[in-house]
Amino acid sequence: MERETFGAWVVAIGTTLAALGNTPSLSLPSTLSKDLDVVGNVLQGTGSAFLADTEDAFTLNKLGNMIQATGNSTVVSGLLLPVEEQTRLSLLIKGNLLQALGSGTSLAEALSEEQTLLNLYIIYGDLLQMIGNSLQALAEGKELKGQNAQTLESIGNWIQAIGSYFSLYATQINHH
């Protein structure tokens, strides 16, 4: 398996685990839900860092993956550090916005390249991940104001996960 494909798989698995952990209809015990979210974000950050490392030249895509990995680390900090609820939500908001910025940075590169079917999958993957992370940040902002935004959080997680599979598919096409 190519290193880039491996990194994309790690991201896709991570987004799926985080989405499962944030799906209220599954009625998971809160500790399992949090563990899935933590492990999912650790995998996403690891996969993004791995993807950044597969590019020798400094590109917008490399920078985007580096920013995403930083965002995941920020989310994990918010999930694990013993901080007040307001600080926790602030870290989650900032981490998800960093992830959205990372996807947007990668998207900028994809939009500047020749429009092929492969490139379309890359564009959709980056765009969906950017939208998903933005929705998650919006949900956490609502929670910061005392509003229940669990459904919005879940939708954002699943949109991000779907985007990661578009990116994975594009990576696999590119290496076959």
C-alpha atoms as a PDB file:
ATOM      1  CA  MET A   1       0.000   0.000   0.000  1.00  0.00           C
ATOM      2  CA  GLU A   2       1.316   3.433  -0.927  1.00  0.00           C
ATOM      3  CA  ARG A   3       2.151   5.717   2.006  1.00  0.00           C
ATOM      4  CA  GLU A   4      -0.375   8.309   0.826  1.00  0.00           C
ATOM      5  CA  THR A   5      -3.138   5.692   0.609  1.00  0.00           C
ATOM      6  CA  PHE A   6      -2.260   4.502   4.111  1.00  0.00           C
ATOM      7  CA  GLY A   7      -2.512   8.061   5.469  1.00  0.00           C
ATOM      8  CA  ALA A   8      -5.876   8.575   3.737  1.00  0.00           C
ATOM      9  CA  TRP A   9      -7.183   5.318   5.249  1.00  0.00           C
ATOM     10  CA  VAL A  10      -6.103   6.428   8.727  1.00  0.00           C
ATOM     11  CA  VAL A  11      -7.940   9.753   8.275  1.00  0.00           C
ATOM     12  CA  ALA A  12     -11.086   8.015   6.959  1.00  0.00           C
ATOM     13  CA  ILE A  13     -11.142   5.532   9.841  1.00  0.00           C
ATOM     14  CA  GLY A  14     -10.585   8.377  12.294  1.00  0.00           C
ATOM     15  CA  THR A  15     -13.430  10.498  10.909  1.00  0.00           C
ATOM     16  CA  THR A  16     -15.745   7.479  11.036  1.00  0.00           C
ATOM     17  CA  LEU A  17     -14.884   6.692  14.670  1.00  0.00           C
ATOM     18  CA  ALA A  18     -15.399  10.341  15.674  1.00  0.00           C
ATOM     19  CA  ALA A  19     -18.717  10.416  13.800  1.00  0.00           C
ATOM     20  CA  LEU A  20     -19.875   7.244  15.556  1.00  0.00           C
ATOM     21  CA  GLY A  21     -18.907   8.742  18.898  1.00  0.00           C
ATOM     22  CA  ASN A  22     -20.972  11.835  18.107  1.00  0.00           C
ATOM     23  CA  THR A  23     -24.121  10.065  16.883  1.00  0.00           C
ATOM     24  CA  PRO A  24     -26.811  10.541  19.538  1.00  0.00           C
ATOM     25  CA  SER A  25     -29.158   7.931  18.050  1.00  0.00           C
ATOM     26  CA  LEU A  26     -26.624   5.181  18.865  1.00  0.00           C
ATOM     27  CA  SER A  27     -27.171   5.858  22.587  1.00  0.00           C
ATOM     28  CA  LEU A  28     -23.599   4.887  23.461  1.00  0.00           C
ATOM     29  CA  PRO A  29     -22.351   5.171  27.043  1.00  0.00           C
ATOM     30  CA  SER A  30     -20.757   8.616  27.439  1.00  0.00           C
ATOM     31  CA  THR A  31     -17.299   7.151  28.139  1.00  0.00           C
ATOM     32  CA  LEU A  32     -17.386   5.093  24.929  1.00  0.00           C
ATOM     33  CA  SER A  33     -18.665   8.075  22.961  1.00  0.00           C
ATOM     34  CA  LYS A  34     -15.812  10.253  24.257  1.00  0.00           C
ATOM     35  CA  ASP A  35     -13.244   7.491  23.650  1.00  0.00           C
ATOM     36  CA  LEU A  36     -14.398   7.127  20.031  1.00  0.00           C
ATOM     37  CA  ASP A  37     -14.139  10.897  19.593  1.00  0.00           C
ATOM     38  CA  VAL A  38     -10.634  10.999  21.090  1.00  0.00           C
ATOM     39  CA  VAL A  39      -9.308   7.996  19.147  1.00  0.00           C
ATOM     40  CA  GLY A  40     -10.976   9.263  15.974  1.00  0.00           C
ATOM     41  CA  ASN A  41      -9.345  12.674  16.272  1.00  0.00           C
ATOM     42  CA  VAL A  42      -5.956  11.167  17.130  1.00  0.00           C
ATOM     43  CA  LEU A  43      -6.197   8.989  14.008  1.00  0.00           C
ATOM     44  CA  GLN A  44      -7.288  11.952  11.874  1.00  0.00           C
ATOM     45  CA  GLY A  45      -4.361  14.035  13.096  1.00  0.00           C
ATOM     46  CA  THR A  46      -1.929  11.160  12.596  1.00  0.00           C
ATOM     47  CA  GLY A  47      -3.241  10.479   9.089  1.00  0.00           C
ATOM     48  CA  SER A  48      -3.089  14.166   8.144  1.00  0.00           C
ATOM     49  CA  ALA A  49       0.472  14.452   9.459  1.00  0.00           C
ATOM     50  CA  PHE A  50       1.384  11.311   7.540  1.00  0.00           C
ATOM     51  CA  LEU A  51      -0.162  12.765   4.354  1.00  0.00           C
ATOM     52  CA  ALA A  52       1.774  16.009   4.834  1.00  0.00           C
ATOM     53  CA  ASP A  53       4.962  13.986   5.211  1.00  0.00           C
ATOM     54  CA  THR A  54       4.395  12.176   1.901  1.00  0.00           C
ATOM     55  CA  GLU A  55       4.865  15.431  -0.037  1.00  0.00           C
ATOM     56  CA  ASP A  56       8.464  16.519  -0.527  1.00  0.00           C
ATOM     57  CA  ALA A  57       7.692  19.966  -1.939  1.00  0.00           C
ATOM     58  CA  PHE A  58       5.887  22.605   0.080  1.00  0.00           C
ATOM     59  CA  THR A  59       2.406  22.815  -1.466  1.00  0.00           C
ATOM     60  CA  LEU A  60      -0.963  24.134  -0.352  1.00  0.00           C
ATOM     61  CA  ASN A  61      -2.050  20.522   0.118  1.00  0.00           C
ATOM     62  CA  LYS A  62       0.939  19.811   2.401  1.00  0.00           C
ATOM     63  CA  LEU A  63       0.173  22.983   4.372  1.00  0.00           C
ATOM     64  CA  GLY A  64      -3.516  22.030   4.527  1.00  0.00           C
ATOM     65  CA  ASN A  65      -2.687  18.631   6.009  1.00  0.00           C
ATOM     66  CA  MET A  66      -0.355  20.249   8.540  1.00  0.00           C
ATOM     67  CA  ILE A  67      -3.109  22.674   9.597  1.00  0.00           C
ATOM     68  CA  GLN A  68      -5.617  19.819   9.855  1.00  0.00           C
ATOM     69  CA  ALA A  69      -3.268  17.828  12.088  1.00  0.00           C
ATOM     70  CA  THR A  70      -2.889  20.888  14.324  1.00  0.00           C
ATOM     71  CA  GLY A  71      -6.667  21.228  14.461  1.00  0.00           C
ATOM     72  CA  ASN A  72      -7.071  17.602  15.501  1.00  0.00           C
ATOM     73  CA  SER A  73      -4.473  18.068  18.250  1.00  0.00           C
ATOM     74  CA  THR A  74      -6.440  21.076  19.485  1.00  0.00           C
ATOM     75  CA  VAL A  75      -9.679  19.046  19.529  1.00  0.00           C
ATOM     76  CA  VAL A  76      -7.958  16.218  21.431  1.00  0.00           C
ATOM     77  CA  SER A  77      -6.682  18.780  23.959  1.00  0.00           C
ATOM     78  CA  GLY A  78     -10.246  19.996  24.449  1.00  0.00           C
ATOM     79  CA  LEU A  79     -11.460  16.451  24.963  1.00  0.00           C
ATOM     80  CA  LEU A  80      -8.727  15.326  27.366  1.00  0.00           C
ATOM     81  CA  LEU A  81      -7.464  18.314  29.365  1.00  0.00           C
ATOM     82  CA  PRO A  82      -9.092  18.910  32.758  1.00  0.00           C
ATOM     83  CA  VAL A  83     -10.441  22.378  31.896  1.00  0.00           C
ATOM     84  CA  GLU A  84     -13.694  24.232  32.480  1.00  0.00           C
ATOM     85  CA  GLU A  85     -16.561  23.597  30.054  1.00  0.00           C
ATOM     86  CA  GLN A  86     -16.176  27.007  28.394  1.00  0.00           C
ATOM     87  CA  THR A  87     -12.468  26.379  27.729  1.00  0.00           C
ATOM     88  CA  ARG A  88     -13.223  22.860  26.474  1.00  0.00           C
ATOM     89  CA  LEU A  89     -15.788  24.145  23.984  1.00  0.00           C
ATOM     90  CA  SER A  90     -13.449  26.953  22.921  1.00  0.00           C
ATOM     91  CA  LEU A  91     -10.700  24.419  22.165  1.00  0.00           C
ATOM     92  CA  LEU A  92     -13.162  22.256  20.194  1.00  0.00           C
ATOM     93  CA  ILE A  93     -14.347  25.277  18.185  1.00  0.00           C
ATOM     94  CA  LYS A  94     -10.795  26.379  17.395  1.00  0.00           C
ATOM     95  CA  GLY A  95      -9.699  22.833  16.550  1.00  0.00           C
ATOM     96  CA  ASN A  96     -12.590  22.297  14.149  1.00  0.00           C
ATOM     97  CA  LEU A  97     -12.046  25.702  12.536  1.00  0.00           C
ATOM     98  CA  LEU A  98      -8.370  24.826  12.053  1.00  0.00           C
ATOM     99  CA  GLN A  99      -9.407  21.553  10.415  1.00  0.00           C
ATOM    100  CA  ALA A 100     -11.814  23.464   8.150  1.00  0.00           C
ATOM    101  CA  LEU A 101      -9.022  25.910   7.287  1.00  0.00           C
ATOM    102  CA  GLY A 102      -6.732  22.981   6.464  1.00  0.00           C
ATOM    103  CA  SER A 103      -9.326  21.464   4.124  1.00  0.00           C
ATOM    104  CA  GLY A 104      -9.897  24.875   2.561  1.00  0.00           C
ATOM    105  CA  THR A 105      -6.160  25.290   1.983  1.00  0.00           C
ATOM    106  CA  SER A 106      -5.986  21.907   0.250  1.00  0.00           C
ATOM    107  CA  LEU A 107      -9.138  22.795  -1.691  1.00  0.00           C
ATOM    108  CA  ALA A 108      -7.470  25.955  -3.021  1.00  0.00           C
ATOM    109  CA  GLU A 109      -4.750  23.812  -4.590  1.00  0.00           C
ATOM    110  CA  ALA A 110      -7.249  21.335  -6.055  1.00  0.00           C
ATOM    111  CA  LEU A 111      -9.280  24.152  -7.607  1.00  0.00           C
ATOM    112  CA  SER A 112      -6.184  25.513  -9.351  1.00  0.00           C
ATOM    113  CA  GLU A 113      -5.348  22.197 -11.042  1.00  0.00           C
ATOM    114  CA  GLU A 114      -6.647  20.680 -14.262  1.00  0.00           C
ATOM    115  CA  GLN A 115     -10.266  19.620 -13.889  1.00  0.00           C
ATOM    116  CA  THR A 116     -10.329  15.845 -14.213  1.00  0.00           C
ATOM    117  CA  LEU A 117     -12.564  13.217 -12.632  1.00  0.00           C
ATOM    118  CA  LEU A 118      -9.812  12.485 -10.111  1.00  0.00           C
ATOM    119  CA  ASN A 119      -9.537  16.172  -9.274  1.00  0.00           C
ATOM    120  CA  LEU A 120     -13.317  16.352  -8.832  1.00  0.00           C
ATOM    121  CA  TYR A 121     -13.128  13.675  -6.109  1.00  0.00           C
ATOM    122  CA  ILE A 122     -10.365  15.652  -4.402  1.00  0.00           C
ATOM    123  CA  ILE A 123     -12.446  18.845  -4.580  1.00  0.00           C
ATOM    124  CA  TYR A 124     -15.547  17.131  -3.181  1.00  0.00           C
ATOM    125  CA  GLY A 125     -13.517  15.498  -0.412  1.00  0.00           C
ATOM    126  CA  ASP A 126     -11.890  18.747   0.697  1.00  0.00           C
ATOM    127  CA  LEU A 127     -15.139  20.721   0.386  1.00  0.00           C
ATOM    128  CA  LEU A 128     -17.195  18.218   2.380  1.00  0.00           C
ATOM    129  CA  GLN A 129     -14.567  18.013   5.122  1.00  0.00           C
ATOM    130  CA  MET A 130     -14.447  21.810   5.292  1.00  0.00           C
ATOM    131  CA  ILE A 131     -18.246  22.020   5.565  1.00  0.00           C
ATOM    132  CA  GLY A 132     -18.376  19.219   8.152  1.00  0.00           C
ATOM    133  CA  ASN A 133     -15.768  20.807  10.400  1.00  0.00           C
ATOM    134  CA  SER A 134     -17.448  24.210  10.056  1.00  0.00           C
ATOM    135  CA  LEU A 135     -20.769  22.707  11.150  1.00  0.00           C
ATOM    136  CA  GLN A 136     -19.059  21.072  14.133  1.00  0.00           C
ATOM    137  CA  ALA A 137     -17.547  24.426  15.155  1.00  0.00           C
ATOM    138  CA  LEU A 138     -20.964  26.062  14.753  1.00  0.00           C
ATOM    139  CA  ALA A 139     -22.561  23.366  16.924  1.00  0.00           C
ATOM    140  CA  GLU A 140     -19.966  23.860  19.651  1.00  0.00           C
ATOM    141  CA  GLY A 141     -20.560  27.625  19.465  1.00  0.00           C
ATOM    142  CA  LYS A 142     -24.266  26.984  20.083  1.00  0.00           C
ATOM    143  CA  GLU A 143     -23.372  24.738  23.027  1.00  0.00           C
ATOM    144  CA  LEU A 144     -21.191  27.535  24.391  1.00  0.00           C
ATOM    145  CA  LYS A 145     -24.378  29.653  24.440  1.00  0.00           C
ATOM    146  CA  GLY A 146     -26.244  26.906  26.301  1.00  0.00           C
ATOM    147  CA  GLN A 147     -28.117  25.541  23.277  1.00  0.00           C
ATOM    148  CA  ASN A 148     -28.359  21.844  22.440  1.00  0.00           C
ATOM    149  CA  ALA A 149     -26.642  21.287  19.096  1.00  0.00           C
ATOM    150  CA  GLN A 150     -26.005  17.540  19.273  1.00  0.00           C
ATOM    151  CA  THR A 151     -27.798  16.864  15.975  1.00  0.00           C
ATOM    152  CA  LEU A 152     -25.835  19.587  14.164  1.00  0.00           C
ATOM    153  CA  GLU A 153     -22.605  18.189  15.663  1.00  0.00           C
ATOM    154  CA  SER A 154     -23.482  14.710  14.414  1.00  0.00           C
ATOM    155  CA  ILE A 155     -24.370  15.947  10.921  1.00  0.00           C
ATOM    156  CA  GLY A 156     -21.068  17.844  10.738  1.00  0.00           C
ATOM    157  CA  ASN A 157     -19.127  14.748  11.792  1.00  0.00           C
ATOM    158  CA  TRP A 158     -20.797  12.561   9.156  1.00  0.00           C
ATOM    159  CA  ILE A 159     -20.316  15.146   6.386  1.00  0.00           C
ATOM    160  CA  GLN A 160     -16.628  15.285   7.308  1.00  0.00           C
ATOM    161  CA  ALA A 161     -16.448  11.479   7.274  1.00  0.00           C
ATOM    162  CA  ILE A 162     -18.080  11.284   3.830  1.00  0.00           C
ATOM    163  CA  GLY A 163     -15.579  13.856   2.576  1.00  0.00           C
ATOM    164  CA  SER A 164     -12.685  11.797   3.920  1.00  0.00           C
ATOM    165  CA  TYR A 165     -13.889   8.821   1.864  1.00  0.00           C
ATOM    166  CA  PHE A 166     -14.000  10.955  -1.298  1.00  0.00           C
ATOM    167  CA  SER A 167     -10.385  11.903  -0.532  1.00  0.00           C
ATOM    168  CA  LEU A 168      -9.472   8.277   0.142  1.00  0.00           C
ATOM    169  CA  TYR A 169     -11.066   7.193  -3.137  1.00  0.00           C
ATOM    170  CA  ALA A 170      -9.153   9.883  -5.029  1.00  0.00           C
ATOM    171  CA  THR A 171      -5.924   8.705  -3.419  1.00  0.00           C
ATOM    172  CA  GLN A 172      -6.620   5.105  -4.406  1.00  0.00           C
ATOM    173  CA  ILE A 173      -7.469   6.069  -7.999  1.00  0.00           C
ATOM    174  CA  ASN A 174      -4.272   8.090  -8.193  1.00  0.00           C
ATOM    175  CA  HIS A 175      -2.157   5.087  -7.197  1.00  0.00           C
ATOM    176  CA  HIS A 176      -3.688   2.499  -9.512  1.00  0.00           C
END
